[in-house]
C-alpha cells in the first residue's frame, strides 16, 4: 500500500516538475511526509496518493509538513 502511494506520488512529481524518476523518489524518501507515511500510527497510508501528494507539495514549498 505504501509502495503504491509512493509510486503514484513520484509520477505526480515527475509530471509537475520534470525531475527524473530517481530524483522524484529521492525527494519522497527523504521527506518528512514519507516518515509520517511509514508511521502506521498516523494512518496516512490509508489516504489516497493525491491526498498525500498535497502534503508533499506543501513540504517542498514551506519546508515542513502541516
N, C-alpha and C. Protein backbone atom coordinates (compact mmCIF):
# COMPACT_ATOMS: atom_id res chain seq x y z
N UNK A 1 0.82 -1.18 0.00
CA UNK A 1 0.00 0.00 0.00
C UNK A 1 0.87 1.26 0.00
N UNK A 2 1.86 1.31 0.86
CA UNK A 2 2.76 2.47 0.93
C UNK A 2 3.56 2.58 -0.36
N UNK A 3 4.00 1.44 -0.89
CA UNK A 3 4.76 1.46 -2.14
C UNK A 3 3.93 2.01 -3.29
N UNK A 4 2.67 1.65 -3.33
CA UNK A 4 1.78 2.14 -4.38
C UNK A 4 1.59 3.65 -4.27
N UNK A 5 1.40 4.14 -3.07
CA UNK A 5 1.26 5.58 -2.86
C UNK A 5 2.53 6.30 -3.28
N UNK A 6 3.67 5.74 -2.90
CA UNK A 6 4.96 6.33 -3.25
C UNK A 6 5.15 6.39 -4.76
N UNK A 7 4.81 5.30 -5.44
CA UNK A 7 4.94 5.26 -6.91
C UNK A 7 4.07 6.32 -7.56
N UNK A 8 2.84 6.43 -7.11
CA UNK A 8 1.93 7.43 -7.68
C UNK A 8 2.41 8.84 -7.41
N UNK A 9 2.88 9.09 -6.19
CA UNK A 9 3.38 10.42 -5.87
C UNK A 9 4.60 10.77 -6.71
N UNK A 10 5.46 9.79 -6.96
CA UNK A 10 6.62 10.02 -7.82
C UNK A 10 6.16 10.43 -9.22
N UNK A 11 5.14 9.76 -9.73
CA UNK A 11 4.59 10.12 -11.04
C UNK A 11 4.05 11.53 -11.06
N UNK A 12 3.34 11.93 -10.00
CA UNK A 12 2.82 13.30 -9.92
C UNK A 12 3.97 14.31 -9.91
N UNK A 13 5.00 14.00 -9.13
CA UNK A 13 6.14 14.91 -9.00
C UNK A 13 6.87 15.05 -10.34
N UNK A 14 7.03 13.94 -11.03
CA UNK A 14 7.68 13.96 -12.35
C UNK A 14 6.87 14.81 -13.32
N UNK A 15 5.56 14.62 -13.33
CA UNK A 15 4.70 15.38 -14.23
C UNK A 15 4.69 16.87 -13.90
N UNK A 16 4.70 17.20 -12.62
CA UNK A 16 4.62 18.60 -12.20
C UNK A 16 5.94 19.35 -12.34
N UNK A 17 7.05 18.66 -12.14
CA UNK A 17 8.34 19.37 -12.08
C UNK A 17 9.34 18.96 -13.16
N UNK A 18 9.13 17.82 -13.79
CA UNK A 18 10.05 17.37 -14.82
C UNK A 18 11.30 16.69 -14.31
N UNK A 19 11.34 16.36 -13.02
CA UNK A 19 12.52 15.65 -12.47
C UNK A 19 12.53 14.21 -12.96
N UNK A 20 13.65 13.56 -12.82
CA UNK A 20 13.77 12.16 -13.21
C UNK A 20 13.11 11.26 -12.15
N UNK A 21 12.94 10.01 -12.49
CA UNK A 21 12.36 9.04 -11.55
C UNK A 21 13.23 8.95 -10.30
N UNK A 22 14.52 8.88 -10.48
CA UNK A 22 15.44 8.76 -9.35
C UNK A 22 15.35 9.99 -8.46
N UNK A 23 15.31 11.17 -9.07
CA UNK A 23 15.20 12.40 -8.29
C UNK A 23 13.88 12.46 -7.53
N UNK A 24 12.80 12.06 -8.19
CA UNK A 24 11.48 12.08 -7.55
C UNK A 24 11.46 11.16 -6.34
N UNK A 25 11.97 9.96 -6.51
CA UNK A 25 11.99 9.01 -5.39
C UNK A 25 12.90 9.50 -4.27
N UNK A 26 14.01 10.12 -4.63
CA UNK A 26 14.91 10.67 -3.61
C UNK A 26 14.20 11.74 -2.79
N UNK A 27 13.47 12.62 -3.46
CA UNK A 27 12.72 13.67 -2.76
C UNK A 27 11.72 13.03 -1.79
N UNK A 28 10.99 12.05 -2.29
CA UNK A 28 9.94 11.42 -1.47
C UNK A 28 10.55 10.67 -0.28
N UNK A 29 11.54 9.82 -0.56
CA UNK A 29 12.11 9.00 0.51
C UNK A 29 12.82 9.83 1.58
N UNK A 30 13.25 11.03 1.25
CA UNK A 30 13.94 11.89 2.21
C UNK A 30 13.04 12.97 2.79
N UNK A 31 11.74 12.82 2.61
CA UNK A 31 10.80 13.83 3.09
C UNK A 31 10.25 13.48 4.47
N UNK A 32 9.75 14.52 5.16
CA UNK A 32 9.04 14.30 6.41
C UNK A 32 7.74 13.54 6.15
N UNK A 33 7.15 13.81 4.99
CA UNK A 33 5.91 13.12 4.64
C UNK A 33 6.12 11.61 4.61
N UNK A 34 7.23 11.17 4.03
CA UNK A 34 7.48 9.72 3.95
C UNK A 34 7.64 9.13 5.35
N UNK A 35 8.26 9.85 6.25
CA UNK A 35 8.37 9.39 7.63
C UNK A 35 6.98 9.17 8.23
N UNK A 36 6.10 10.13 7.98
CA UNK A 36 4.73 10.02 8.50
C UNK A 36 3.94 8.93 7.77
N UNK A 37 4.19 8.79 6.48
CA UNK A 37 3.50 7.77 5.70
C UNK A 37 3.85 6.36 6.18
N UNK A 38 5.08 6.16 6.58
CA UNK A 38 5.52 4.84 7.03
C UNK A 38 5.27 4.61 8.52
N UNK A 39 4.86 5.65 9.23
CA UNK A 39 4.48 5.51 10.63
C UNK A 39 3.02 5.06 10.67
N UNK A 40 2.80 3.80 10.97
CA UNK A 40 1.46 3.23 10.91
C UNK A 40 0.49 3.89 11.87
N UNK A 41 0.99 4.53 12.91
CA UNK A 41 0.11 5.20 13.88
C UNK A 41 -0.56 6.44 13.29
N UNK A 42 0.03 7.03 12.24
CA UNK A 42 -0.58 8.24 11.66
C UNK A 42 -1.79 7.90 10.80
N UNK A 43 -1.84 6.68 10.27
CA UNK A 43 -2.95 6.29 9.39
C UNK A 43 -2.88 6.94 8.03
N UNK A 44 -1.80 7.66 7.74
CA UNK A 44 -1.68 8.37 6.47
C UNK A 44 -1.67 7.40 5.28
N UNK A 45 -1.20 6.20 5.51
CA UNK A 45 -1.14 5.22 4.43
C UNK A 45 -2.54 4.80 3.95
N UNK A 46 -3.57 5.14 4.68
CA UNK A 46 -4.95 4.87 4.26
C UNK A 46 -5.47 5.91 3.27
N UNK A 47 -4.77 7.04 3.15
CA UNK A 47 -5.22 8.13 2.28
C UNK A 47 -4.81 7.88 0.84
N UNK A 48 -5.41 8.62 -0.05
CA UNK A 48 -5.11 8.47 -1.48
C UNK A 48 -3.75 9.07 -1.79
N UNK A 49 -3.13 8.61 -2.89
CA UNK A 49 -1.85 9.20 -3.30
C UNK A 49 -1.95 10.71 -3.56
N UNK A 50 -3.06 11.16 -4.14
CA UNK A 50 -3.19 12.59 -4.42
C UNK A 50 -3.30 13.39 -3.12
N UNK A 51 -3.96 12.84 -2.13
CA UNK A 51 -4.04 13.49 -0.81
C UNK A 51 -2.64 13.62 -0.21
N UNK A 52 -1.89 12.54 -0.23
CA UNK A 52 -0.52 12.56 0.31
C UNK A 52 0.37 13.51 -0.48
N UNK A 53 0.16 13.55 -1.80
CA UNK A 53 0.98 14.43 -2.65
C UNK A 53 0.76 15.90 -2.29
N UNK A 54 -0.43 16.25 -1.91
CA UNK A 54 -0.69 17.63 -1.50
C UNK A 54 0.17 17.99 -0.28
N UNK A 55 0.32 17.05 0.63
CA UNK A 55 1.20 17.27 1.79
C UNK A 55 2.66 17.39 1.36
N UNK A 56 3.06 16.57 0.39
CA UNK A 56 4.44 16.64 -0.10
C UNK A 56 4.69 18.00 -0.76
N UNK A 57 3.76 18.48 -1.55
CA UNK A 57 3.91 19.78 -2.20
C UNK A 57 4.04 20.89 -1.15
N UNK A 58 3.25 20.79 -0.09
CA UNK A 58 3.34 21.77 0.99
C UNK A 58 4.71 21.72 1.65
N UNK A 59 5.19 20.52 1.89
CA UNK A 59 6.51 20.38 2.50
C UNK A 59 7.60 20.96 1.60
N UNK A 60 7.52 20.71 0.31
CA UNK A 60 8.52 21.22 -0.61
C UNK A 60 8.47 22.75 -0.70
N UNK A 61 7.29 23.30 -0.58
CA UNK A 61 7.14 24.76 -0.68
C UNK A 61 7.54 25.47 0.62
N UNK A 62 7.14 24.90 1.76
CA UNK A 62 7.32 25.58 3.03
C UNK A 62 8.37 24.93 3.95
N UNK A 63 8.90 23.77 3.54
CA UNK A 63 9.95 23.14 4.33
C UNK A 63 9.49 22.23 5.45
N UNK A 64 8.18 22.06 5.57
CA UNK A 64 7.67 21.16 6.60
C UNK A 64 6.27 20.69 6.24
N UNK A 65 5.91 19.56 6.80
CA UNK A 65 4.57 19.02 6.63
C UNK A 65 3.65 19.77 7.58
N UNK A 66 2.43 19.98 7.17
CA UNK A 66 1.46 20.71 8.00
C UNK A 66 1.33 20.02 9.35
